[in-house]
Structures are given as C-alpha cells and as structure tokens.
Protein backbone atom coordinates (compact mmCIF):
# COMPACT_ATOMS: atom_id res chain seq x y z
CA MET A 1 0.11 0.00 -0.02
CA LYS A 2 1.23 3.40 -1.03
CA LEU A 3 0.68 6.67 0.82
CA LEU A 4 0.22 9.64 -1.35
CA VAL A 5 0.43 13.36 0.08
CA SER A 6 -0.44 16.31 -1.85
CA VAL A 7 0.12 20.00 -1.08
CA PRO A 8 -1.09 23.05 -3.19
CA ALA A 9 0.85 26.00 -4.48
CA SER A 10 0.13 29.26 -2.61
CA ILE A 11 0.26 32.94 -3.48
CA ALA A 12 1.18 35.14 -0.33
CA ASN A 13 0.41 38.72 0.24
CA LEU A 14 -2.02 39.52 -2.53
CA GLY A 15 -0.85 42.88 -2.81
CA SER A 16 -2.28 44.90 0.33
CA GLY A 17 -2.16 41.89 2.75
CA PHE A 18 1.57 41.72 3.28
CA ASP A 19 2.70 38.75 5.12
CA THR A 20 -0.62 38.09 6.15
CA PHE A 21 -3.01 37.01 3.12
CA GLY A 22 -2.57 33.64 1.34
CA LEU A 23 -4.39 31.98 -1.42
CA ALA A 24 -4.11 28.07 -2.32
CA ILE A 25 -3.87 27.25 -6.03
CA ASP A 26 -4.67 23.81 -7.73
CA LEU A 27 -0.98 23.27 -8.74
CA ARG A 28 0.31 20.67 -6.51
CA ASN A 29 3.56 18.85 -5.25
CA GLU A 30 3.12 15.36 -4.56
CA VAL A 31 4.75 12.41 -2.83
CA GLU A 32 4.12 8.72 -3.05
CA ILE A 33 5.79 6.71 -0.39
CA GLU A 34 5.83 3.05 0.37
CA TYR A 35 8.06 0.99 3.11
CA ASP A 36 11.24 -0.42 1.63
CA THR A 37 14.39 -2.12 2.70
CA GLU A 38 16.21 0.99 2.27
CA LEU A 39 15.82 4.86 1.71
CA SER A 40 15.37 5.92 -2.13
CA ILE A 41 13.99 9.25 -3.27
CA THR A 42 13.46 9.69 -7.20
CA GLU A 43 12.06 12.60 -8.99
CA MET A 44 11.09 12.17 -12.81
CA GLY A 45 12.70 8.73 -12.62
CA ILE A 46 16.04 10.46 -11.38
CA LYS A 47 17.70 9.74 -7.85
CA VAL A 48 17.50 12.70 -5.81
CA GLU A 49 20.98 13.29 -3.94
CA GLY A 50 21.55 15.14 -0.86
CA GLU A 51 19.02 16.64 1.51
CA ASP A 52 16.36 18.87 -0.12
CA LEU A 53 13.80 20.69 1.97
CA PHE A 54 11.20 17.81 1.68
CA PHE A 55 13.58 15.27 2.95
CA LYS A 56 15.07 17.20 5.94
CA ALA A 57 11.65 17.88 7.06
CA PHE A 58 10.61 14.31 6.72
CA LYS A 59 13.85 13.01 8.22
CA GLU A 60 13.48 15.42 11.29
CA VAL A 61 9.97 14.38 12.19
CA MET A 62 10.65 10.66 11.73
CA GLU A 63 13.85 10.82 13.71
CA SER A 64 12.08 12.69 16.31
CA ASN A 65 9.51 10.21 16.88
CA GLY A 66 12.10 7.34 16.79
CA ILE A 67 10.65 5.99 13.50
CA ASP A 68 12.58 4.03 10.98
CA TRP A 69 12.85 6.22 7.76
CA ARG A 70 13.71 3.69 5.17
CA TYR A 71 11.24 4.22 2.40
CA LYS A 72 10.66 4.42 -1.50
CA ILE A 73 9.69 7.81 -2.03
CA LYS A 74 8.64 9.21 -5.46
CA LYS A 75 8.30 13.18 -5.61
CA ILE A 76 6.18 14.80 -8.22
CA SER A 77 7.04 18.48 -8.29
CA MET A 78 4.48 20.80 -10.43
CA ILE A 79 5.11 24.13 -8.35
CA PRO A 80 7.97 26.09 -10.28
CA PRO A 81 10.51 27.11 -7.67
CA GLN A 82 11.62 30.80 -6.89
CA LYS A 83 8.56 32.31 -8.65
CA GLY A 84 6.47 33.06 -5.48
CA LEU A 85 4.09 30.23 -5.60
CA GLY A 86 5.27 28.93 -2.28
CA SER A 87 7.41 25.97 -3.49
CA SER A 88 9.61 25.83 -0.41
CA ALA A 89 6.73 25.93 1.86
CA ALA A 90 5.12 23.09 -0.07
CA SER A 91 8.06 21.08 -0.03
CA ILE A 92 8.54 21.60 3.77
CA ILE A 93 4.77 20.67 4.43
CA LEU A 94 4.94 17.70 2.30
CA GLY A 95 7.78 16.29 4.50
CA ILE A 96 6.21 17.18 7.74
CA ALA A 97 2.87 15.82 6.72
CA ALA A 98 4.13 12.51 5.16
CA ALA A 99 6.09 11.77 8.42
CA MET A 100 3.15 12.60 10.79
CA GLU A 101 0.87 10.47 8.76
CA ILE A 102 3.26 7.57 8.84
CA ASN A 103 3.43 8.29 12.79
CA ARG A 104 -0.41 8.04 12.74
CA HIS A 105 -0.27 11.69 14.58
CA PHE A 106 -1.65 13.70 11.60
CA SER A 107 -2.32 17.29 12.85
CA ARG A 108 -2.95 20.10 10.42
CA GLN A 109 -2.41 22.86 13.18
CA GLN A 110 0.91 21.03 14.15
CA ILE A 111 1.93 20.88 10.63
CA PHE A 112 1.32 24.56 10.21
CA GLU A 113 3.08 25.50 13.40
CA MET A 114 5.88 23.48 12.54
CA ALA A 115 6.34 24.32 8.87
CA THR A 116 5.99 28.04 9.73
CA LYS A 117 8.82 27.92 12.00
CA ILE A 118 11.19 26.31 9.27
CA GLU A 119 9.74 28.66 6.56
CA GLY A 120 9.85 31.80 8.56
CA HIS A 121 6.52 33.35 8.01
CA PRO A 122 3.06 31.88 8.11
CA ASP A 123 1.31 33.15 4.99
CA ASN A 124 2.26 30.44 2.25
CA VAL A 125 2.15 27.87 4.68
CA ALA A 126 -1.36 28.50 6.03
CA ALA A 127 -2.76 28.53 2.39
CA SER A 128 -1.14 25.38 1.51
CA VAL A 129 -2.06 23.61 4.97
CA PHE A 130 -5.63 24.55 5.20
CA GLY A 131 -6.48 25.41 1.63
CA GLY A 132 -8.59 28.47 0.44
CA PHE A 133 -8.12 32.03 1.15
CA THR A 134 -6.06 32.43 4.48
CA VAL A 135 -5.44 35.03 6.82
CA SER A 136 -2.33 34.36 9.33
CA ALA A 137 -0.45 35.97 12.03
CA HIS A 138 2.13 35.52 14.57
CA LEU A 139 0.33 35.69 17.82
CA LYS A 140 1.49 35.63 21.60
CA SER A 141 0.27 32.09 21.77
CA GLY A 142 1.94 31.00 18.59
CA TYR A 143 0.91 31.01 14.88
CA GLY A 144 -2.68 31.54 14.08
CA ALA A 145 -4.51 31.08 10.81
CA VAL A 146 -8.24 31.28 9.58
CA SER A 147 -9.24 29.87 6.27
CA MET A 148 -12.24 30.72 4.19
CA GLN A 149 -13.66 30.07 0.57
CA PRO A 150 -11.48 31.44 -2.07
CA MET A 151 -12.80 34.88 -3.37
CA CYS A 152 -12.54 33.59 -6.85
CA ARG A 153 -12.77 30.15 -8.37
CA GLU A 154 -10.21 30.89 -11.08
CA ILE A 155 -6.87 32.79 -11.44
CA THR A 156 -4.59 33.68 -14.28
CA ILE A 157 -0.76 33.30 -13.38
CA VAL A 158 1.83 34.67 -15.53
CA ILE A 159 5.24 33.26 -14.95
CA PRO A 160 8.53 35.03 -16.33
CA PRO A 161 11.71 33.13 -17.02
CA PHE A 162 13.65 34.80 -14.46
CA SER A 163 13.49 34.59 -10.53
CA THR A 164 14.20 36.68 -7.56
CA PRO A 165 15.74 34.87 -4.64
CA THR A 166 13.54 35.35 -1.51
CA GLN A 167 16.55 36.55 0.31
CA GLU A 168 17.13 39.25 -2.29
CA ALA A 169 13.44 40.27 -2.30
CA ARG A 170 13.42 40.50 1.53
CA LYS A 171 16.83 42.45 1.78
CA ILE A 172 15.12 45.22 -0.51
CA LEU A 173 12.42 46.06 1.84
CA PRO A 174 12.75 48.97 4.17
CA LYS A 175 13.01 48.40 7.87
CA MET A 176 10.69 51.38 8.60
CA VAL A 177 7.87 52.79 6.46
CA PRO A 178 5.96 55.94 6.46
CA LEU A 179 2.66 56.01 8.60
CA GLU A 180 0.83 56.99 5.62
CA ASP A 181 1.89 53.90 3.59
CA ALA A 182 1.05 51.65 6.55
CA VAL A 183 -2.39 53.22 6.80
CA PHE A 184 -2.93 52.77 3.15
CA ASN A 185 -2.24 49.22 3.24
CA LEU A 186 -4.28 48.66 6.32
CA GLN A 187 -7.43 50.22 4.89
CA ARG A 188 -7.14 48.20 1.66
CA ALA A 189 -6.44 44.88 3.48
CA THR A 190 -9.56 45.43 5.60
CA MET A 191 -11.69 46.37 2.53
CA VAL A 192 -10.97 43.10 1.22
CA LEU A 193 -12.23 41.41 4.12
CA ALA A 194 -14.96 43.66 4.64
CA ASN A 195 -16.23 43.01 1.16
CA TYR A 196 -15.20 39.42 1.33
CA ARG A 197 -18.84 37.73 1.79
CA ASP A 198 -20.10 39.73 -1.19
CA ARG A 199 -17.04 38.63 -3.31
CA ARG A 200 -17.00 42.25 -4.49
CA MET A 201 -13.30 42.44 -4.98
CA LEU A 202 -12.02 45.60 -6.59
CA GLN A 203 -8.57 46.07 -8.08
CA GLU A 204 -8.07 48.96 -5.56
CA PHE A 205 -8.26 46.86 -2.59
CA PHE A 206 -5.14 44.93 -3.55
CA GLU A 207 -2.96 48.05 -4.05
CA ASP A 208 0.11 48.25 -2.00
CA ARG A 209 2.80 50.66 -0.71
CA LEU A 210 4.96 48.27 1.41
CA HIS A 211 6.58 45.86 -0.84
CA GLN A 212 5.22 45.31 -4.51
CA ASP A 213 6.72 48.16 -6.21
CA LEU A 214 10.26 47.62 -4.80
CA ARG A 215 10.32 43.93 -5.90
CA LEU A 216 8.75 44.77 -9.25
CA SER A 217 11.65 47.16 -9.74
CA LEU A 218 14.26 44.36 -9.32
CA HIS A 219 13.30 43.50 -12.88
CA PRO A 220 12.31 46.58 -15.21
CA GLU A 221 10.67 44.52 -17.79
CA LEU A 222 8.42 42.84 -15.15
CA LYS A 223 7.30 46.01 -13.80
CA ALA A 224 6.56 47.46 -17.21
CA PHE A 225 4.41 44.34 -18.00
CA PHE A 226 2.75 44.60 -14.64
CA GLU A 227 1.80 48.25 -15.01
CA GLU A 228 0.61 47.70 -18.67
CA THR A 229 -1.44 44.65 -17.67
CA LYS A 230 -3.11 46.48 -14.83
CA SER A 231 -4.26 49.16 -16.94
CA LYS A 232 -6.01 46.85 -19.39
CA VAL A 233 -7.84 44.62 -16.77
CA GLU A 234 -10.42 45.64 -14.18
CA ASP A 235 -9.91 42.51 -12.04
CA PRO A 236 -7.32 42.59 -8.97
CA ILE A 237 -3.66 42.08 -10.12
CA PHE A 238 -0.70 41.50 -7.88
CA LEU A 239 2.89 40.12 -7.57
CA CYS A 240 2.79 36.54 -6.22
CA GLY A 241 4.52 36.60 -2.94
CA SER A 242 8.06 38.23 -3.62
CA GLY A 243 7.87 37.25 -7.25
CA THR A 244 8.56 37.00 -10.06
CA ALA A 245 5.10 35.48 -11.08
CA ILE A 246 2.28 37.78 -11.47
CA ALA A 247 -1.51 36.66 -10.71
CA ILE A 248 -4.81 38.20 -11.97
CA MET A 249 -8.22 36.94 -10.44
CA GLY A 250 -10.35 35.31 -13.08
CA THR A 251 -9.53 33.99 -16.42
CA HIS A 252 -7.70 36.33 -18.67
CA ASP A 253 -6.42 35.54 -22.24
CA ILE A 254 -3.61 38.16 -22.37
CA ALA A 255 -0.46 38.13 -24.50
CA VAL A 256 2.75 37.64 -22.83
CA PRO A 257 6.25 38.02 -23.77
CA GLN A 258 8.11 35.06 -25.71
CA GLY A 259 9.36 32.70 -23.37
CA TRP A 260 6.89 33.76 -20.46
CA GLN A 261 4.30 30.89 -19.28
CA LEU A 262 0.30 31.95 -19.01
CA LEU A 263 -1.41 29.52 -16.78
CA HIS A 264 -5.27 29.22 -15.95
CA LYS A 265 -5.68 27.47 -12.73
CA LYS A 266 -8.59 27.03 -10.16
CA THR A 267 -8.09 28.17 -6.62
CA SER A 268 -7.94 25.21 -4.17
CA ILE A 269 -10.60 24.81 -1.44
CA GLU A 270 -8.38 21.91 -0.15
CA GLY A 271 -5.00 22.24 1.49
CA ILE A 272 -3.12 18.95 2.31
CA ILE A 273 -4.66 15.84 0.71
CA VAL A 274 -3.67 12.46 2.16
CA ARG A 275 -4.83 9.05 0.75
CA TYR A 276 -3.69 5.57 0.25
CA LEU A 277 -3.10 4.08 -3.08
C-alpha cells in the first residue's frame, strides 16, 4: 500500500495583505511513499541526491519520533521554484505531513506551526496546509490562521523565465515605512475582508505601498508588464509573494512576452490531501 500526500501551491500577500493573506492554487507537489528495505528518493525517474527541503523535514520528524525512515519515495513537483508560488513551503509541508501520517499523528495545526517555524513566515504555509483564502499571523500564543472559501474560483498566473531569490526580495524592503503607507495598506486589506462575503473584489483593494513596487523594480521588464496589464484589466492583479510570477483574479487570455508562461488555474478549497493507493 502506498501513501500519497499532496500539497497545493500558494500565493502570499495578494498586494495589500503583506505577510498576512494567502491563497491556495490547484497546482500541486506530491509524494508517493511505500516502505522498503532502504531509503530511496526519485523525481522524474532520477535519483535525488543530498537533502532537499522535503527530505530534511521528513527526516527530522521521523527521527524525533524514533521511526525508521527507510522508504521508497517518489516526488512529483509541479510548483515552479523561486517564482513566488510557495514551492519551498509546499516541500516543507510535504515532508512534515508525510512523516506525521506515517506516525499516525496527523494534525494540520501542528503541521502549520512546524512548517512556519522552518519557513519563517505563515502566509504561504497557511494557504497550503488549510486551503482556500487564509489570513495568518504570529500571535503571543504562537501562529494562528483562519481559512475561508477563495474569493475567486479561477486565477490567471503569468510566470516569467527569470527569478528573484527570496532573500534578495526581503533585503530590498525598508526596515521602517511612513505612517501614511502603513495606513494605506491597512485600509485596503480591511476592505478585502469587509467585502469578502459579497465577493466584491475591486482592483483598488489590492494595491500596495509596502513591498510590491520595490520587488517589481528588481526586474524593469516585469514592472513594465505589470503596469501595462493593470491598465487593461479590471480584476485585481498582484505580484505572487516576492515574485516573479504575477496573478490576476479570473480567467484572462492576455499576450505575454516570448518565453513567459501563461497558466489558467483554479483556486483550491483543499489544502493538504492524504490518501492511500
């Protein structure tokens, strides 16, 4: 019998909800696991060498529970790395969730907390663990998250061929921001939540002054494409996480530069999926 664990991609920030909002996307990384006489990890038929994020998380949980981790593991990675679609969070969650299920101690809240401590921030992790549209925070009692139905069923994602390392995207952000910019974001993020029930999502609610423009500026061609596209669509548009992918709510058939990808995906109500084959 094989264990299958599947984790969705996620988009963090959504413009105004910096380090707070997350949205699960039906684009998934998966692992198939079965007990074996030795450990082996393959992806696309090729043996995985060294310890990647998935295996580090998997091994840590297995060893902390005193469980033998000799398994045959097949990885299927559909989330493109370093594009702002939560690939690192998904890999960490996969490792923790698989090990916890083998240990018969599967807990979404514990997976969320453990993965967030490794990832460093809860926004991508919350969406991938719980699914839907999530609001998350670092509270006195630990990490908290609330999951709701996605505010849209479909989303258009544009993926350029270049990447921004997360560290570089974090480093460019200022340590302090003007009060008026903080208020600007707070007002718009609360408008997203205030209009959530009616699904009345205006592009203006997702505008940002804390991170997005600075990160877009790392790639002038990306910023030019973003601004041009924003002027042509009415639906909300935002940078995916720290970039470089861009998302537009709804389905949009737009022209993209040569070498760029245009994906039409559904948002995901489900977060982690565990089943046996």
